[in-house]
Structures are given as structure tokens and as C-alpha cells.
Amino acid sequence: MIFHICPRAEWEEAQRAGRYVGSAASLRDGFLHFSTASQIVESAAKHWAGKEDLILLAADEAALGGSVKWEKSRGGALFPHVYGPIPLTAVTWSKRLPLGADGRHAFPPL
């Protein structure tokens, strides 16, 4: 399972369209940024700090096939990057990602 965070409005649009194409940043970078379960909390803190109305997506890496590339990122860690749109059938669940009392995102069990 790999994870992605997006604004709720983007996820709602993806559900209407039948696929998720990513944000403007993803389109600029040429891929969708995903993280593993052990990376997602740090990714949220770095890229989404203080942001509300977010959705956490869990995707089945196998269902994404060859569109997933593991590439070096911050500190040399390998992150899953997805090249191309995500079919909704690859998303196993989506959950709201609220801010906790401490201002950090409150994650569900991964």
C-alpha cells in the first residue's frame, strides 16, 4: 500500500472524472507524489502543515502496475512516484485527514 494526500475538492473531482490526475504541483513535476506508511506522516508535516480539508488516499501499488517508479528524494530515501493518472479502482480507501489539537494531522491506522 502506498499513500497520497490531496485536497478534498481534488478527490471529489477525481470521483466525478473516474480517475485522479493530481494537483497542479504533480502536473508540474510530471508525477504524483506518494509515500509509504513510514514516510507519510513526515510528508504531511513537510508539505501540508496546517492545511485542512485534506484526504488521505491508500492505493494498491500492484494495481498501478508499471506506473510506479521508486526514486530517490529527500535524504536519498526512495519514494514511490506514480507517472500518469490513478484509476479509482487502484484506490483501496480514502479518509479525511483532520488536524489534531496539536496542529498536526491525525492519521488513521495505516
N, C-alpha and C. Protein backbone atom coordinates (compact mmCIF):
# COMPACT_ATOMS: atom_id res chain seq x y z
N MET A 1 0.83 -1.17 0.00
CA MET A 1 0.00 0.00 0.00
C MET A 1 0.88 1.24 0.00
N ILE A 2 0.54 2.21 -0.86
CA ILE A 2 1.23 3.49 -0.88
C ILE A 2 0.18 4.59 -0.67
N PHE A 3 0.64 5.76 -0.20
CA PHE A 3 -0.29 6.78 0.27
C PHE A 3 -0.03 8.13 -0.40
N HIS A 4 -1.12 8.88 -0.55
CA HIS A 4 -1.08 10.19 -1.18
C HIS A 4 -2.05 11.10 -0.45
N ILE A 5 -1.69 12.37 -0.29
CA ILE A 5 -2.56 13.36 0.33
C ILE A 5 -2.98 14.36 -0.73
N CYS A 6 -4.27 14.70 -0.72
CA CYS A 6 -4.76 15.70 -1.66
C CYS A 6 -5.89 16.50 -1.03
N PRO A 7 -6.15 17.69 -1.56
CA PRO A 7 -7.30 18.46 -1.09
C PRO A 7 -8.61 17.71 -1.42
N ARG A 8 -9.57 17.87 -0.55
CA ARG A 8 -10.87 17.18 -0.73
C ARG A 8 -11.49 17.51 -2.09
N ALA A 9 -11.41 18.77 -2.51
CA ALA A 9 -12.01 19.17 -3.79
C ALA A 9 -11.39 18.40 -4.95
N GLU A 10 -10.09 18.15 -4.92
CA GLU A 10 -9.44 17.37 -5.99
C GLU A 10 -9.95 15.93 -6.00
N TRP A 11 -10.14 15.36 -4.81
CA TRP A 11 -10.62 13.98 -4.73
C TRP A 11 -12.06 13.90 -5.22
N GLU A 12 -12.87 14.88 -4.88
CA GLU A 12 -14.25 14.89 -5.36
C GLU A 12 -14.30 14.99 -6.88
N GLU A 13 -13.44 15.82 -7.46
CA GLU A 13 -13.36 15.93 -8.91
C GLU A 13 -12.91 14.60 -9.53
N ALA A 14 -11.96 13.94 -8.90
CA ALA A 14 -11.49 12.63 -9.40
C ALA A 14 -12.62 11.62 -9.41
N GLN A 15 -13.45 11.64 -8.39
CA GLN A 15 -14.57 10.70 -8.34
C GLN A 15 -15.56 10.97 -9.47
N ARG A 16 -15.77 12.22 -9.81
CA ARG A 16 -16.65 12.55 -10.94
C ARG A 16 -16.02 12.11 -12.26
N ALA A 17 -14.69 12.31 -12.36
CA ALA A 17 -13.99 12.01 -13.61
C ALA A 17 -13.65 10.53 -13.78
N GLY A 18 -13.64 9.77 -12.67
CA GLY A 18 -13.30 8.36 -12.74
C GLY A 18 -11.82 8.06 -12.67
N ARG A 19 -11.02 9.10 -12.42
CA ARG A 19 -9.57 8.92 -12.27
C ARG A 19 -9.00 10.15 -11.58
N TYR A 20 -7.86 9.99 -10.95
CA TYR A 20 -7.21 11.08 -10.24
C TYR A 20 -5.95 11.47 -11.02
N VAL A 21 -5.88 12.73 -11.43
CA VAL A 21 -4.75 13.19 -12.24
C VAL A 21 -3.72 13.96 -11.42
N GLY A 22 -4.07 14.35 -10.19
CA GLY A 22 -3.13 15.05 -9.33
C GLY A 22 -3.35 16.55 -9.32
N SER A 23 -2.55 17.18 -8.53
CA SER A 23 -2.63 18.63 -8.34
C SER A 23 -1.79 19.35 -9.39
N ALA A 24 -1.84 20.68 -9.35
CA ALA A 24 -1.00 21.47 -10.25
C ALA A 24 0.48 21.16 -10.02
N ALA A 25 0.87 20.95 -8.74
CA ALA A 25 2.27 20.61 -8.43
C ALA A 25 2.65 19.27 -9.05
N SER A 26 1.75 18.30 -8.97
CA SER A 26 2.03 16.99 -9.57
C SER A 26 2.18 17.11 -11.07
N LEU A 27 1.30 17.87 -11.69
CA LEU A 27 1.37 18.03 -13.14
C LEU A 27 2.67 18.74 -13.54
N ARG A 28 3.09 19.70 -12.73
CA ARG A 28 4.36 20.42 -12.99
C ARG A 28 5.55 19.47 -12.86
N ASP A 29 5.51 18.61 -11.82
CA ASP A 29 6.62 17.68 -11.58
C ASP A 29 6.60 16.50 -12.54
N GLY A 30 5.46 16.21 -13.13
CA GLY A 30 5.35 15.11 -14.09
C GLY A 30 4.99 13.78 -13.46
N PHE A 31 4.72 13.77 -12.16
CA PHE A 31 4.32 12.54 -11.48
C PHE A 31 3.55 12.89 -10.21
N LEU A 32 2.85 11.91 -9.66
CA LEU A 32 2.15 12.08 -8.40
C LEU A 32 3.05 11.60 -7.28
N HIS A 33 3.15 12.41 -6.24
CA HIS A 33 3.99 12.09 -5.09
C HIS A 33 3.24 11.15 -4.14
N PHE A 34 3.80 10.01 -3.91
CA PHE A 34 3.25 9.05 -2.95
C PHE A 34 4.30 8.80 -1.87
N SER A 35 3.86 8.19 -0.79
CA SER A 35 4.75 7.84 0.32
C SER A 35 4.37 6.46 0.83
N THR A 36 5.30 5.85 1.54
CA THR A 36 4.99 4.61 2.24
C THR A 36 4.33 4.96 3.57
N ALA A 37 3.87 3.95 4.28
CA ALA A 37 3.27 4.17 5.60
C ALA A 37 4.27 4.82 6.55
N SER A 38 5.53 4.46 6.44
CA SER A 38 6.54 5.02 7.35
C SER A 38 6.97 6.44 6.94
N GLN A 39 6.60 6.89 5.74
CA GLN A 39 7.01 8.20 5.25
C GLN A 39 5.89 9.25 5.27
N ILE A 40 4.64 8.81 5.28
CA ILE A 40 3.53 9.71 5.03
C ILE A 40 3.35 10.79 6.10
N VAL A 41 3.61 10.47 7.36
CA VAL A 41 3.43 11.47 8.42
C VAL A 41 4.43 12.62 8.22
N GLU A 42 5.67 12.28 7.93
CA GLU A 42 6.68 13.32 7.68
C GLU A 42 6.34 14.11 6.42
N SER A 43 5.85 13.44 5.39
CA SER A 43 5.46 14.13 4.16
C SER A 43 4.34 15.12 4.43
N ALA A 44 3.38 14.72 5.24
CA ALA A 44 2.27 15.62 5.59
C ALA A 44 2.79 16.85 6.32
N ALA A 45 3.68 16.63 7.28
CA ALA A 45 4.23 17.74 8.06
C ALA A 45 5.03 18.69 7.18
N LYS A 46 5.74 18.15 6.21
CA LYS A 46 6.59 18.97 5.35
C LYS A 46 5.80 19.74 4.29
N HIS A 47 4.83 19.07 3.67
CA HIS A 47 4.15 19.66 2.52
C HIS A 47 2.73 20.16 2.80
N TRP A 48 2.12 19.73 3.88
CA TRP A 48 0.72 20.06 4.15
C TRP A 48 0.52 20.66 5.55
N ALA A 49 1.54 21.13 6.19
CA ALA A 49 1.43 21.65 7.56
C ALA A 49 0.33 22.70 7.68
N GLY A 50 -0.55 22.49 8.64
CA GLY A 50 -1.62 23.44 8.92
C GLY A 50 -2.77 23.45 7.94
N LYS A 51 -2.68 22.67 6.89
CA LYS A 51 -3.74 22.64 5.86
C LYS A 51 -4.89 21.75 6.32
N GLU A 52 -6.08 22.25 6.08
CA GLU A 52 -7.28 21.49 6.43
C GLU A 52 -7.97 21.01 5.17
N ASP A 53 -9.02 20.22 5.36
CA ASP A 53 -9.86 19.72 4.27
C ASP A 53 -9.06 18.85 3.30
N LEU A 54 -8.25 17.96 3.88
CA LEU A 54 -7.42 17.04 3.10
C LEU A 54 -7.97 15.63 3.15
N ILE A 55 -7.61 14.86 2.15
CA ILE A 55 -7.97 13.45 2.05
C ILE A 55 -6.69 12.62 1.94
N LEU A 56 -6.65 11.53 2.68
CA LEU A 56 -5.56 10.56 2.58
C LEU A 56 -6.04 9.41 1.71
N LEU A 57 -5.30 9.14 0.66
CA LEU A 57 -5.62 8.02 -0.25
C LEU A 57 -4.66 6.88 0.00
N ALA A 58 -5.19 5.67 0.02
CA ALA A 58 -4.37 4.47 0.07
C ALA A 58 -4.55 3.74 -1.25
N ALA A 59 -3.46 3.50 -1.94
CA ALA A 59 -3.53 2.84 -3.25
C ALA A 59 -2.77 1.53 -3.23
N ASP A 60 -3.29 0.59 -3.96
CA ASP A 60 -2.66 -0.72 -4.11
C ASP A 60 -1.57 -0.58 -5.18
N GLU A 61 -0.34 -0.68 -4.75
CA GLU A 61 0.78 -0.50 -5.69
C GLU A 61 0.69 -1.47 -6.86
N ALA A 62 0.32 -2.71 -6.59
CA ALA A 62 0.23 -3.71 -7.66
C ALA A 62 -0.81 -3.31 -8.70
N ALA A 63 -1.90 -2.70 -8.27
CA ALA A 63 -2.96 -2.29 -9.20
C ALA A 63 -2.51 -1.14 -10.10
N LEU A 64 -1.45 -0.44 -9.71
CA LEU A 64 -0.94 0.66 -10.52
C LEU A 64 0.07 0.20 -11.56
N GLY A 65 0.49 -1.04 -11.44
CA GLY A 65 1.38 -1.62 -12.45
C GLY A 65 2.67 -0.84 -12.64
N GLY A 66 3.07 -0.70 -13.88
CA GLY A 66 4.35 -0.08 -14.22
C GLY A 66 4.38 1.43 -14.08
N SER A 67 3.26 2.03 -13.64
CA SER A 67 3.27 3.49 -13.49
C SER A 67 3.99 3.94 -12.22
N VAL A 68 4.31 2.99 -11.32
CA VAL A 68 5.02 3.33 -10.07
C VAL A 68 6.52 3.18 -10.28
N LYS A 69 7.23 4.24 -9.97
CA LYS A 69 8.69 4.23 -10.03
C LYS A 69 9.21 4.64 -8.65
N TRP A 70 10.13 3.87 -8.11
CA TRP A 70 10.74 4.19 -6.82
C TRP A 70 11.98 5.03 -7.09
N GLU A 71 11.94 6.28 -6.63
CA GLU A 71 13.00 7.22 -6.95
C GLU A 71 13.51 7.91 -5.68
N LYS A 72 14.79 8.27 -5.72
CA LYS A 72 15.40 8.95 -4.58
C LYS A 72 14.82 10.33 -4.42
N SER A 73 14.62 10.68 -3.17
CA SER A 73 14.11 12.01 -2.84
C SER A 73 14.91 12.54 -1.67
N ARG A 74 14.27 13.27 -0.79
CA ARG A 74 14.98 13.90 0.33
C ARG A 74 15.85 12.91 1.10
N GLY A 75 17.06 13.30 1.31
CA GLY A 75 17.98 12.47 2.08
C GLY A 75 18.33 11.14 1.43
N GLY A 76 18.01 10.99 0.16
CA GLY A 76 18.32 9.75 -0.55
C GLY A 76 17.31 8.63 -0.36
N ALA A 77 16.23 8.90 0.40
CA ALA A 77 15.20 7.88 0.61
C ALA A 77 14.44 7.61 -0.69
N LEU A 78 14.03 6.38 -0.88
CA LEU A 78 13.24 6.02 -2.05
C LEU A 78 11.76 6.29 -1.76
N PHE A 79 11.13 7.02 -2.68
CA PHE A 79 9.71 7.31 -2.59
C PHE A 79 9.01 6.76 -3.83
N PRO A 80 7.77 6.31 -3.68
CA PRO A 80 7.02 5.87 -4.86
C PRO A 80 6.44 7.09 -5.59
N HIS A 81 6.75 7.20 -6.84
CA HIS A 81 6.20 8.25 -7.70
C HIS A 81 5.36 7.55 -8.75
N VAL A 82 4.18 8.09 -9.00
CA VAL A 82 3.27 7.48 -9.96
C VAL A 82 3.19 8.38 -11.19
N TYR A 83 3.52 7.80 -12.34
CA TYR A 83 3.51 8.52 -13.60
C TYR A 83 2.22 8.20 -14.33
N GLY A 84 1.37 9.19 -14.43
CA GLY A 84 0.09 9.02 -15.10
C GLY A 84 -1.06 9.06 -14.10
N PRO A 85 -2.27 9.13 -14.62
CA PRO A 85 -3.44 9.21 -13.74
C PRO A 85 -3.65 7.91 -12.95
N ILE A 86 -4.33 8.05 -11.83
CA ILE A 86 -4.64 6.92 -10.96
C ILE A 86 -6.08 6.47 -11.24
N PRO A 87 -6.28 5.25 -11.68
CA PRO A 87 -7.66 4.78 -11.81
C PRO A 87 -8.26 4.61 -10.41
N LEU A 88 -9.51 4.96 -10.26
CA LEU A 88 -10.14 4.87 -8.94
C LEU A 88 -10.14 3.44 -8.40
N THR A 89 -10.09 2.47 -9.28
CA THR A 89 -10.06 1.07 -8.84
C THR A 89 -8.78 0.73 -8.09
N ALA A 90 -7.72 1.53 -8.26
CA ALA A 90 -6.46 1.28 -7.55
C ALA A 90 -6.48 1.86 -6.13
N VAL A 91 -7.43 2.74 -5.84
CA VAL A 91 -7.54 3.35 -4.52
C VAL A 91 -8.38 2.43 -3.64
N THR A 92 -7.75 1.87 -2.61
CA THR A 92 -8.46 0.93 -1.74
C THR A 92 -9.31 1.62 -0.70
N TRP A 93 -8.87 2.80 -0.26
CA TRP A 93 -9.70 3.62 0.62
C TRP A 93 -9.25 5.06 0.59
N SER A 94 -10.16 5.92 1.02
CA SER A 94 -9.87 7.35 1.17
C SER A 94 -10.49 7.79 2.49
N LYS A 95 -9.75 8.60 3.24
CA LYS A 95 -10.23 9.06 4.54
C LYS A 95 -9.84 10.52 4.74
N ARG A 96 -10.70 11.23 5.45
CA ARG A 96 -10.38 12.62 5.81
C ARG A 96 -9.13 12.63 6.67
N LEU A 97 -8.37 13.68 6.54
CA LEU A 97 -7.12 13.83 7.30
C LEU A 97 -7.21 15.13 8.11
N PRO A 98 -7.89 15.06 9.26
CA PRO A 98 -8.11 16.28 10.05
C PRO A 98 -6.86 16.71 10.81
N LEU A 99 -6.87 17.97 11.20
CA LEU A 99 -5.83 18.48 12.08
C LEU A 99 -6.19 18.14 13.51
N GLY A 100 -5.22 17.67 14.27
CA GLY A 100 -5.43 17.38 15.68
C GLY A 100 -5.28 18.66 16.50
N ALA A 101 -5.54 18.54 17.79
CA ALA A 101 -5.43 19.68 18.73
C ALA A 101 -4.03 20.27 18.72
N ASP A 102 -3.03 19.43 18.39
CA ASP A 102 -1.64 19.90 18.38
C ASP A 102 -1.24 20.55 17.05
N GLY A 103 -2.21 20.66 16.11
CA GLY A 103 -1.94 21.28 14.81
C GLY A 103 -1.35 20.34 13.78
N ARG A 104 -1.10 19.09 14.17
CA ARG A 104 -0.57 18.09 13.22
C ARG A 104 -1.73 17.24 12.72
N HIS A 105 -1.57 16.65 11.57
CA HIS A 105 -2.63 15.82 11.02
C HIS A 105 -2.81 14.54 11.83
N ALA A 106 -4.05 14.18 12.03
CA ALA A 106 -4.40 12.97 12.78
C ALA A 106 -4.64 11.84 11.79
N PHE A 107 -3.69 10.91 11.73
CA PHE A 107 -3.77 9.81 10.77
C PHE A 107 -4.56 8.64 11.30
N PRO A 108 -5.27 7.96 10.39
CA PRO A 108 -5.92 6.69 10.78
C PRO A 108 -4.84 5.61 10.87
N PRO A 109 -5.18 4.47 11.43
CA PRO A 109 -4.19 3.36 11.40
C PRO A 109 -3.83 3.02 9.95
N LEU A 110 -2.55 2.84 9.71
CA LEU A 110 -2.09 2.53 8.35
C LEU A 110 -1.76 1.08 8.29
